[in-house]
Amino acid sequence: MQPRPTIEAFDKWLFECSLKLEAIVIGGAALSLLGVIDRQTRDFDIIRPSLSPEVLQAAQDFALFYSQQGFELANDWLNNGPIQVADTLPTGWQDRVQPLFTGNALDLKTLHRNDLLKTKLFALCDRGSDLLDCIALAPTKAELNESLPWLESQDANPLWPNHVQQTLKSLAERLNYEL
């Protein structure tokens, strides 16, 4: 799905359903709406608030309608899959959110660049995914060094800190500098 046309159409859908949603979006959809990446995404990951049954039903109904119009959209395209991320982000992240999309029924925000970068770096370290998104974010050496202590604290495995250091070192090399 292309995030901007999808979210604009969903905004109209929600408005017609007399529903509103204020939410914080992370992941590829946020990066796409920010203009950091230009690729299709599978879903919209919402970390706050927990989506109401009414909004979830509207999103499922929209997915069916949108798919009938020739656009591929999964039934769970709008989800709280990464909601637990909000509990692990650095203190004060809520005060650093930035506007992402404002429509008639939708008011979407996303994390500040440093916090959004941390979520992508964590995905890179944890699942080995999101490398292209991390490259597109083009973190500086200072940003990687600043992210390191937070990333190292995200897993109790004694091998985790070394894994994080090696992953960031590899990313830095891909960005043409040494960490």
N, C-alpha and C. Protein backbone atom coordinates (compact mmCIF):
# COMPACT_ATOMS: atom_id res chain seq x y z
N MET A 1 0.84 -1.18 0.00
CA MET A 1 0.00 0.00 0.00
C MET A 1 0.88 1.23 0.00
N GLN A 2 0.43 2.23 -0.68
CA GLN A 2 1.09 3.53 -0.63
C GLN A 2 0.45 4.30 0.53
N PRO A 3 1.22 4.66 1.55
CA PRO A 3 0.64 5.23 2.76
C PRO A 3 -0.18 6.50 2.58
N ARG A 4 0.30 7.47 1.80
CA ARG A 4 -0.44 8.74 1.73
C ARG A 4 -1.83 8.57 1.11
N PRO A 5 -1.97 7.96 -0.06
CA PRO A 5 -3.33 7.81 -0.60
C PRO A 5 -4.22 6.93 0.29
N THR A 6 -3.63 5.93 0.90
CA THR A 6 -4.41 5.05 1.77
C THR A 6 -4.92 5.80 2.98
N ILE A 7 -4.07 6.56 3.62
CA ILE A 7 -4.49 7.25 4.84
C ILE A 7 -5.45 8.38 4.51
N GLU A 8 -5.29 9.01 3.36
CA GLU A 8 -6.25 10.05 2.95
C GLU A 8 -7.63 9.45 2.70
N ALA A 9 -7.67 8.29 2.04
CA ALA A 9 -8.95 7.61 1.80
C ALA A 9 -9.55 7.12 3.12
N PHE A 10 -8.71 6.61 4.03
CA PHE A 10 -9.22 6.15 5.32
C PHE A 10 -9.74 7.32 6.15
N ASP A 11 -9.11 8.46 6.04
CA ASP A 11 -9.59 9.65 6.74
C ASP A 11 -11.03 9.97 6.30
N LYS A 12 -11.27 9.93 5.02
CA LYS A 12 -12.63 10.17 4.50
C LYS A 12 -13.59 9.10 5.00
N TRP A 13 -13.13 7.84 5.00
CA TRP A 13 -13.95 6.72 5.47
C TRP A 13 -14.35 6.92 6.93
N LEU A 14 -13.37 7.22 7.77
CA LEU A 14 -13.67 7.44 9.19
C LEU A 14 -14.62 8.61 9.40
N PHE A 15 -14.40 9.67 8.64
CA PHE A 15 -15.26 10.85 8.75
C PHE A 15 -16.70 10.48 8.41
N GLU A 16 -16.87 9.69 7.35
CA GLU A 16 -18.22 9.25 6.96
C GLU A 16 -18.83 8.32 8.00
N CYS A 17 -18.00 7.63 8.75
CA CYS A 17 -18.47 6.75 9.84
C CYS A 17 -18.66 7.51 11.15
N SER A 18 -18.42 8.81 11.13
CA SER A 18 -18.50 9.66 12.33
C SER A 18 -17.56 9.19 13.43
N LEU A 19 -16.37 8.74 13.02
CA LEU A 19 -15.35 8.31 13.97
C LEU A 19 -14.13 9.22 13.85
N LYS A 20 -13.36 9.30 14.92
CA LYS A 20 -12.11 10.05 14.93
C LYS A 20 -11.02 9.18 15.51
N LEU A 21 -9.78 9.46 15.10
CA LEU A 21 -8.65 8.74 15.65
C LEU A 21 -7.46 9.69 15.76
N GLU A 22 -6.96 9.83 16.99
CA GLU A 22 -5.70 10.50 17.24
C GLU A 22 -4.74 9.40 17.64
N ALA A 23 -3.63 9.28 16.91
CA ALA A 23 -2.75 8.14 17.15
C ALA A 23 -1.30 8.48 16.85
N ILE A 24 -0.42 7.65 17.39
CA ILE A 24 1.02 7.76 17.14
C ILE A 24 1.43 6.56 16.30
N VAL A 25 1.95 6.85 15.11
CA VAL A 25 2.33 5.85 14.12
C VAL A 25 3.84 5.72 14.10
N ILE A 26 4.32 4.47 14.00
CA ILE A 26 5.76 4.24 13.82
C ILE A 26 5.95 3.36 12.60
N GLY A 27 7.17 2.95 12.33
CA GLY A 27 7.44 2.00 11.27
C GLY A 27 7.53 2.63 9.89
N GLY A 28 7.41 1.76 8.90
CA GLY A 28 7.55 2.19 7.51
C GLY A 28 6.51 3.20 7.08
N ALA A 29 5.29 3.08 7.59
CA ALA A 29 4.26 4.05 7.23
C ALA A 29 4.65 5.45 7.68
N ALA A 30 5.18 5.56 8.90
CA ALA A 30 5.62 6.87 9.39
C ALA A 30 6.76 7.41 8.53
N LEU A 31 7.73 6.55 8.23
CA LEU A 31 8.86 7.00 7.39
C LEU A 31 8.40 7.43 6.01
N SER A 32 7.43 6.73 5.47
CA SER A 32 6.92 7.10 4.15
C SER A 32 6.19 8.43 4.20
N LEU A 33 5.33 8.62 5.20
CA LEU A 33 4.60 9.88 5.32
C LEU A 33 5.54 11.06 5.60
N LEU A 34 6.68 10.77 6.24
CA LEU A 34 7.68 11.82 6.49
C LEU A 34 8.53 12.10 5.24
N GLY A 35 8.43 11.23 4.23
CA GLY A 35 9.23 11.40 3.02
C GLY A 35 10.63 10.82 3.12
N VAL A 36 10.90 10.02 4.15
CA VAL A 36 12.22 9.41 4.33
C VAL A 36 12.41 8.26 3.36
N ILE A 37 11.34 7.49 3.16
CA ILE A 37 11.39 6.38 2.21
C ILE A 37 10.27 6.54 1.20
N ASP A 38 10.43 5.89 0.07
CA ASP A 38 9.42 5.92 -0.98
C ASP A 38 9.16 4.48 -1.41
N ARG A 39 8.44 3.77 -0.57
CA ARG A 39 8.12 2.38 -0.87
C ARG A 39 6.78 2.06 -0.26
N GLN A 40 6.21 0.98 -0.75
CA GLN A 40 4.96 0.53 -0.18
C GLN A 40 5.22 -0.09 1.19
N THR A 41 4.21 -0.02 2.04
CA THR A 41 4.30 -0.63 3.35
C THR A 41 3.14 -1.59 3.52
N ARG A 42 3.27 -2.49 4.45
CA ARG A 42 2.23 -3.49 4.68
C ARG A 42 1.14 -2.98 5.61
N ASP A 43 1.52 -2.11 6.55
CA ASP A 43 0.56 -1.73 7.57
C ASP A 43 0.89 -0.38 8.20
N PHE A 44 0.00 0.05 9.08
CA PHE A 44 0.20 1.23 9.91
C PHE A 44 0.30 0.73 11.35
N ASP A 45 1.49 0.86 11.94
CA ASP A 45 1.74 0.42 13.30
C ASP A 45 1.44 1.55 14.27
N ILE A 46 0.44 1.35 15.11
CA ILE A 46 0.01 2.35 16.09
C ILE A 46 0.51 1.94 17.47
N ILE A 47 1.26 2.84 18.13
CA ILE A 47 1.72 2.52 19.49
C ILE A 47 0.87 3.18 20.57
N ARG A 48 0.14 4.19 20.24
CA ARG A 48 -0.80 4.82 21.16
C ARG A 48 -1.89 5.46 20.35
N PRO A 49 -3.13 5.38 20.77
CA PRO A 49 -3.68 4.62 21.87
C PRO A 49 -3.96 3.19 21.43
N SER A 50 -4.49 2.42 22.34
CA SER A 50 -5.00 1.11 21.97
C SER A 50 -6.23 1.37 21.10
N LEU A 51 -6.27 0.76 19.93
CA LEU A 51 -7.35 1.03 18.98
C LEU A 51 -8.68 0.50 19.51
N SER A 52 -9.70 1.32 19.38
CA SER A 52 -11.04 0.93 19.85
C SER A 52 -11.64 -0.11 18.91
N PRO A 53 -12.58 -0.91 19.42
CA PRO A 53 -13.25 -1.88 18.55
C PRO A 53 -13.93 -1.21 17.35
N GLU A 54 -14.47 -0.01 17.56
CA GLU A 54 -15.16 0.70 16.47
C GLU A 54 -14.18 1.09 15.37
N VAL A 55 -13.01 1.60 15.75
CA VAL A 55 -12.01 2.00 14.76
C VAL A 55 -11.45 0.76 14.06
N LEU A 56 -11.21 -0.30 14.82
CA LEU A 56 -10.72 -1.54 14.20
C LEU A 56 -11.72 -2.09 13.19
N GLN A 57 -13.00 -2.06 13.53
CA GLN A 57 -14.02 -2.54 12.60
C GLN A 57 -14.08 -1.65 11.37
N ALA A 58 -13.99 -0.34 11.57
CA ALA A 58 -13.99 0.58 10.43
C ALA A 58 -12.78 0.32 9.53
N ALA A 59 -11.63 0.04 10.14
CA ALA A 59 -10.42 -0.25 9.36
C ALA A 59 -10.57 -1.55 8.57
N GLN A 60 -11.19 -2.56 9.17
CA GLN A 60 -11.43 -3.82 8.45
C GLN A 60 -12.43 -3.62 7.31
N ASP A 61 -13.49 -2.87 7.57
CA ASP A 61 -14.48 -2.59 6.52
C ASP A 61 -13.82 -1.81 5.38
N PHE A 62 -12.98 -0.85 5.75
CA PHE A 62 -12.26 -0.06 4.74
C PHE A 62 -11.34 -0.95 3.93
N ALA A 63 -10.65 -1.88 4.58
CA ALA A 63 -9.74 -2.79 3.87
C ALA A 63 -10.50 -3.59 2.82
N LEU A 64 -11.66 -4.07 3.17
CA LEU A 64 -12.48 -4.83 2.23
C LEU A 64 -12.91 -3.94 1.06
N PHE A 65 -13.43 -2.76 1.37
CA PHE A 65 -13.85 -1.82 0.33
C PHE A 65 -12.67 -1.42 -0.56
N TYR A 66 -11.56 -1.07 0.06
CA TYR A 66 -10.37 -0.60 -0.67
C TYR A 66 -9.83 -1.71 -1.57
N SER A 67 -9.85 -2.95 -1.08
CA SER A 67 -9.38 -4.08 -1.87
C SER A 67 -10.29 -4.31 -3.08
N GLN A 68 -11.58 -4.08 -2.89
CA GLN A 68 -12.53 -4.21 -4.01
C GLN A 68 -12.30 -3.14 -5.07
N GLN A 69 -11.63 -2.06 -4.69
CA GLN A 69 -11.32 -0.99 -5.64
C GLN A 69 -10.01 -1.26 -6.39
N GLY A 70 -9.39 -2.41 -6.10
CA GLY A 70 -8.17 -2.79 -6.80
C GLY A 70 -6.89 -2.50 -6.05
N PHE A 71 -7.00 -2.09 -4.80
CA PHE A 71 -5.82 -1.81 -3.99
C PHE A 71 -5.65 -2.94 -2.98
N GLU A 72 -4.42 -3.42 -2.86
CA GLU A 72 -4.16 -4.50 -1.92
C GLU A 72 -4.02 -3.94 -0.51
N LEU A 73 -4.86 -4.43 0.39
CA LEU A 73 -4.82 -3.95 1.77
C LEU A 73 -5.21 -5.11 2.69
N ALA A 74 -4.31 -5.46 3.60
CA ALA A 74 -4.57 -6.56 4.53
C ALA A 74 -5.66 -6.17 5.52
N ASN A 75 -6.35 -7.16 6.02
CA ASN A 75 -7.42 -6.95 6.97
C ASN A 75 -6.92 -6.26 8.24
N ASP A 76 -5.67 -6.53 8.62
CA ASP A 76 -5.09 -5.95 9.84
C ASP A 76 -4.10 -4.82 9.54
N TRP A 77 -4.35 -4.08 8.49
CA TRP A 77 -3.41 -3.04 8.05
C TRP A 77 -3.24 -1.96 9.12
N LEU A 78 -4.26 -1.68 9.89
CA LEU A 78 -4.18 -0.71 11.00
C LEU A 78 -4.16 -1.54 12.26
N ASN A 79 -3.07 -1.45 13.03
CA ASN A 79 -2.93 -2.37 14.15
C ASN A 79 -2.10 -1.78 15.28
N ASN A 80 -2.21 -2.43 16.42
CA ASN A 80 -1.41 -2.09 17.61
C ASN A 80 -0.29 -3.09 17.82
N GLY A 81 0.15 -3.77 16.77
CA GLY A 81 1.19 -4.79 16.88
C GLY A 81 2.37 -4.39 17.75
N PRO A 82 2.94 -3.20 17.54
CA PRO A 82 4.12 -2.82 18.33
C PRO A 82 3.79 -1.96 19.55
N ILE A 83 2.59 -2.07 20.09
CA ILE A 83 2.17 -1.17 21.18
C ILE A 83 3.13 -1.20 22.36
N GLN A 84 3.77 -2.35 22.62
CA GLN A 84 4.68 -2.48 23.76
C GLN A 84 5.93 -1.61 23.59
N VAL A 85 6.24 -1.18 22.38
CA VAL A 85 7.40 -0.31 22.15
C VAL A 85 7.29 0.96 22.99
N ALA A 86 6.08 1.45 23.14
CA ALA A 86 5.88 2.69 23.90
C ALA A 86 6.38 2.57 25.34
N ASP A 87 6.36 1.36 25.88
CA ASP A 87 6.81 1.16 27.26
C ASP A 87 8.32 1.12 27.39
N THR A 88 9.03 0.97 26.28
CA THR A 88 10.49 0.85 26.34
C THR A 88 11.22 2.08 25.80
N LEU A 89 10.49 2.98 25.17
CA LEU A 89 11.14 4.17 24.61
C LEU A 89 11.76 5.05 25.70
N PRO A 90 12.76 5.84 25.34
CA PRO A 90 13.38 6.73 26.33
C PRO A 90 12.36 7.67 26.97
N THR A 91 12.61 7.98 28.22
CA THR A 91 11.74 8.88 28.98
C THR A 91 11.49 10.17 28.22
N GLY A 92 10.24 10.60 28.23
CA GLY A 92 9.86 11.86 27.61
C GLY A 92 9.51 11.77 26.13
N TRP A 93 9.46 10.56 25.59
CA TRP A 93 9.20 10.44 24.15
C TRP A 93 7.87 11.09 23.76
N GLN A 94 6.88 11.02 24.67
CA GLN A 94 5.56 11.60 24.36
C GLN A 94 5.64 13.10 24.12
N ASP A 95 6.60 13.75 24.77
CA ASP A 95 6.76 15.20 24.62
C ASP A 95 7.49 15.58 23.33
N ARG A 96 8.04 14.58 22.66
CA ARG A 96 8.83 14.85 21.45
C ARG A 96 8.13 14.43 20.16
N VAL A 97 6.87 13.99 20.23
CA VAL A 97 6.21 13.54 19.01
C VAL A 97 6.05 14.71 18.04
N GLN A 98 5.93 14.38 16.76
CA GLN A 98 5.80 15.39 15.73
C GLN A 98 4.59 15.08 14.85
N PRO A 99 3.99 16.11 14.26
CA PRO A 99 2.84 15.90 13.38
C PRO A 99 3.22 15.05 12.18
N LEU A 100 2.27 14.23 11.73
CA LEU A 100 2.49 13.36 10.59
C LEU A 100 1.40 13.54 9.53
N PHE A 101 0.15 13.55 9.96
CA PHE A 101 -0.98 13.72 9.04
C PHE A 101 -2.16 14.24 9.82
N THR A 102 -2.81 15.26 9.30
CA THR A 102 -4.04 15.77 9.90
C THR A 102 -5.10 15.85 8.82
N GLY A 103 -6.21 15.20 9.09
CA GLY A 103 -7.34 15.21 8.17
C GLY A 103 -8.59 15.62 8.91
N ASN A 104 -9.73 15.21 8.39
CA ASN A 104 -11.00 15.53 9.03
C ASN A 104 -11.28 14.63 10.22
N ALA A 105 -10.85 13.37 10.14
CA ALA A 105 -11.11 12.42 11.22
C ALA A 105 -9.83 11.87 11.84
N LEU A 106 -8.72 12.07 11.18
CA LEU A 106 -7.44 11.53 11.64
C LEU A 106 -6.49 12.64 12.06
N ASP A 107 -5.84 12.42 13.17
CA ASP A 107 -4.74 13.28 13.62
C ASP A 107 -3.60 12.33 14.00
N LEU A 108 -2.67 12.15 13.07
CA LEU A 108 -1.58 11.21 13.28
C LEU A 108 -0.29 11.95 13.60
N LYS A 109 0.41 11.40 14.55
CA LYS A 109 1.72 11.91 14.93
C LYS A 109 2.71 10.75 14.84
N THR A 110 3.98 11.07 14.92
CA THR A 110 5.00 10.04 15.00
C THR A 110 6.06 10.48 15.98
N LEU A 111 6.98 9.59 16.22
CA LEU A 111 8.07 9.86 17.15
C LEU A 111 9.04 10.88 16.58
N HIS A 112 9.73 11.57 17.47
CA HIS A 112 10.84 12.43 17.08
C HIS A 112 11.87 11.57 16.36
N ARG A 113 12.63 12.16 15.49
CA ARG A 113 13.61 11.42 14.69
C ARG A 113 14.47 10.48 15.53
N ASN A 114 15.02 10.97 16.66
CA ASN A 114 15.91 10.13 17.47
C ASN A 114 15.18 8.91 18.03
N ASP A 115 13.93 9.08 18.44
CA ASP A 115 13.17 7.96 18.98
C ASP A 115 12.75 7.01 17.86
N LEU A 116 12.35 7.56 16.73
CA LEU A 116 11.98 6.72 15.58
C LEU A 116 13.19 5.93 15.10
N LEU A 117 14.34 6.58 15.07
CA LEU A 117 15.58 5.90 14.69
C LEU A 117 15.86 4.73 15.64
N LYS A 118 15.67 4.94 16.92
CA LYS A 118 15.90 3.86 17.89
C LYS A 118 15.01 2.66 17.60
N THR A 119 13.74 2.91 17.25
CA THR A 119 12.85 1.78 16.97
C THR A 119 13.32 1.01 15.74
N LYS A 120 13.82 1.72 14.74
CA LYS A 120 14.31 1.06 13.53
C LYS A 120 15.62 0.33 13.80
N LEU A 121 16.50 0.93 14.58
CA LEU A 121 17.75 0.26 14.94
C LEU A 121 17.48 -0.99 15.77
N PHE A 122 16.50 -0.91 16.66
CA PHE A 122 16.15 -2.08 17.45
C PHE A 122 15.65 -3.21 16.54
N ALA A 123 14.80 -2.87 15.57
CA ALA A 123 14.31 -3.89 14.63
C ALA A 123 15.47 -4.51 13.86
N LEU A 124 16.43 -3.67 13.49
CA LEU A 124 17.61 -4.17 12.78
C LEU A 124 18.39 -5.15 13.66
N CYS A 125 18.60 -4.79 14.90
CA CYS A 125 19.35 -5.66 15.82
C CYS A 125 18.57 -6.90 16.21
N ASP A 126 17.29 -6.73 16.45
CA ASP A 126 16.47 -7.83 16.96
C ASP A 126 16.08 -8.84 15.89
N ARG A 127 15.64 -8.35 14.73
CA ARG A 127 15.12 -9.24 13.70
C ARG A 127 15.98 -9.29 12.44
N GLY A 128 16.97 -8.40 12.38
CA GLY A 128 17.77 -8.33 11.16
C GLY A 128 17.02 -7.69 10.02
N SER A 129 15.90 -7.06 10.32
CA SER A 129 15.10 -6.39 9.28
C SER A 129 15.32 -4.89 9.38
N ASP A 130 14.74 -4.17 8.47
CA ASP A 130 14.74 -2.71 8.48
C ASP A 130 16.08 -2.08 8.12
N LEU A 131 17.00 -2.84 7.55
CA LEU A 131 18.29 -2.28 7.16
C LEU A 131 18.12 -1.12 6.19
N LEU A 132 17.27 -1.29 5.18
CA LEU A 132 17.10 -0.22 4.20
C LEU A 132 16.48 1.03 4.82
N ASP A 133 15.58 0.83 5.78
CA ASP A 133 15.00 1.99 6.47
C ASP A 133 16.07 2.69 7.31
N CYS A 134 16.93 1.92 7.96
CA CYS A 134 18.02 2.51 8.75
C CYS A 134 18.97 3.29 7.84
N ILE A 135 19.28 2.74 6.70
CA ILE A 135 20.15 3.44 5.74
C ILE A 135 19.46 4.72 5.25
N ALA A 136 18.17 4.64 4.95
CA ALA A 136 17.42 5.82 4.49
C ALA A 136 17.40 6.92 5.55
N LEU A 137 17.35 6.53 6.81
CA LEU A 137 17.39 7.53 7.89
C LEU A 137 18.76 8.19 8.00
N ALA A 138 19.78 7.54 7.44
CA ALA A 138 21.15 8.07 7.41
C ALA A 138 21.60 8.61 8.77
N PRO A 139 21.60 7.74 9.78
CA PRO A 139 22.03 8.21 11.11
C PRO A 139 23.49 8.63 11.09
N THR A 140 23.76 9.67 11.84
CA THR A 140 25.14 10.13 11.98
C THR A 140 25.86 9.25 13.00
N LYS A 141 27.16 9.39 13.03
CA LYS A 141 27.96 8.66 14.03
C LYS A 141 27.48 9.03 15.43
N ALA A 142 27.21 10.30 15.65
CA ALA A 142 26.75 10.76 16.97
C ALA A 142 25.40 10.14 17.32
N GLU A 143 24.49 10.03 16.34
CA GLU A 143 23.18 9.43 16.61
C GLU A 143 23.31 7.95 16.94
N LEU A 144 24.18 7.24 16.24
CA LEU A 144 24.39 5.83 16.55
C LEU A 144 24.98 5.66 17.94
N ASN A 145 25.97 6.48 18.27
CA ASN A 145 26.59 6.39 19.61
C ASN A 145 25.58 6.73 20.70
N GLU A 146 24.71 7.70 20.45
CA GLU A 146 23.69 8.09 21.43
C GLU A 146 22.66 6.98 21.60
N SER A 147 22.37 6.24 20.54
CA SER A 147 21.38 5.16 20.58
C SER A 147 21.91 3.91 21.25
N LEU A 148 23.22 3.73 21.25
CA LEU A 148 23.84 2.50 21.71
C LEU A 148 23.42 2.08 23.13
N PRO A 149 23.52 2.93 24.16
CA PRO A 149 23.15 2.48 25.51
C PRO A 149 21.69 2.03 25.61
N TRP A 150 20.79 2.75 24.94
CA TRP A 150 19.38 2.35 24.96
C TRP A 150 19.21 0.99 24.29
N LEU A 151 19.82 0.82 23.13
CA LEU A 151 19.71 -0.46 22.42
C LEU A 151 20.27 -1.61 23.24
N GLU A 152 21.42 -1.40 23.86
CA GLU A 152 22.05 -2.45 24.66
C GLU A 152 21.17 -2.88 25.84
N SER A 153 20.33 -1.98 26.32
CA SER A 153 19.49 -2.30 27.48
C SER A 153 18.19 -3.00 27.12
N GLN A 154 17.95 -3.26 25.85
CA GLN A 154 16.67 -3.80 25.42
C GLN A 154 16.55 -5.32 25.48
N ASP A 155 17.61 -6.00 25.85
CA ASP A 155 17.57 -7.46 25.93
C ASP A 155 18.52 -7.90 27.04
N ALA A 156 18.08 -8.85 27.87
CA ALA A 156 18.89 -9.31 29.00
C ALA A 156 19.92 -10.37 28.62
N ASN A 157 19.88 -10.85 27.40
CA ASN A 157 20.85 -11.86 26.96
C ASN A 157 22.24 -11.26 27.08
N PRO A 158 23.18 -11.96 27.74
CA PRO A 158 24.52 -11.40 27.92
C PRO A 158 25.27 -11.18 26.59
N LEU A 159 24.84 -11.82 25.53
CA LEU A 159 25.48 -11.64 24.22
C LEU A 159 24.88 -10.44 23.45
N TRP A 160 23.75 -9.93 23.93
CA TRP A 160 23.04 -8.86 23.22
C TRP A 160 23.89 -7.60 23.03
N PRO A 161 24.55 -7.05 24.05
CA PRO A 161 25.31 -5.81 23.84
C PRO A 161 26.36 -5.94 22.73
N ASN A 162 27.08 -7.05 22.68
CA ASN A 162 28.07 -7.24 21.63
C ASN A 162 27.39 -7.32 20.26
N HIS A 163 26.25 -8.01 20.19
CA HIS A 163 25.50 -8.11 18.95
C HIS A 163 25.07 -6.71 18.47
N VAL A 164 24.57 -5.90 19.39
CA VAL A 164 24.15 -4.54 19.06
C VAL A 164 25.34 -3.74 18.53
N GLN A 165 26.47 -3.82 19.22
CA GLN A 165 27.66 -3.08 18.80
C GLN A 165 28.10 -3.50 17.40
N GLN A 166 28.10 -4.79 17.13
CA GLN A 166 28.51 -5.28 15.81
C GLN A 166 27.51 -4.87 14.73
N THR A 167 26.23 -4.89 15.06
CA THR A 167 25.21 -4.49 14.09
C THR A 167 25.36 -3.01 13.74
N LEU A 168 25.56 -2.17 14.75
CA LEU A 168 25.72 -0.74 14.48
C LEU A 168 27.03 -0.45 13.74
N LYS A 169 28.06 -1.20 14.07
CA LYS A 169 29.33 -1.05 13.36
C LYS A 169 29.16 -1.38 11.88
N SER A 170 28.44 -2.46 11.60
CA SER A 170 28.17 -2.86 10.22
C SER A 170 27.34 -1.79 9.49
N LEU A 171 26.35 -1.26 10.17
CA LEU A 171 25.53 -0.19 9.57
C LEU A 171 26.40 1.03 9.29
N ALA A 172 27.23 1.41 10.23
CA ALA A 172 28.13 2.57 10.03
C ALA A 172 29.00 2.36 8.81
N GLU A 173 29.52 1.17 8.65
CA GLU A 173 30.36 0.87 7.48
C GLU A 173 29.58 1.02 6.19
N ARG A 174 28.33 0.59 6.20
CA ARG A 174 27.47 0.76 5.01
C ARG A 174 27.21 2.23 4.72
N LEU A 175 27.26 3.04 5.78
CA LEU A 175 27.06 4.49 5.63
C LEU A 175 28.39 5.21 5.39
N ASN A 176 29.45 4.43 5.22
CA ASN A 176 30.78 4.94 4.87
C ASN A 176 31.48 5.72 5.97
N TYR A 177 31.33 5.25 7.19
CA TYR A 177 32.14 5.78 8.28
C TYR A 177 32.35 4.71 9.32
N GLU A 178 33.34 4.93 10.19
CA GLU A 178 33.64 3.97 11.25
C GLU A 178 32.95 4.39 12.53
N LEU A 179 32.51 3.41 13.26
CA LEU A 179 31.86 3.68 14.54
C LEU A 179 32.84 3.49 15.67
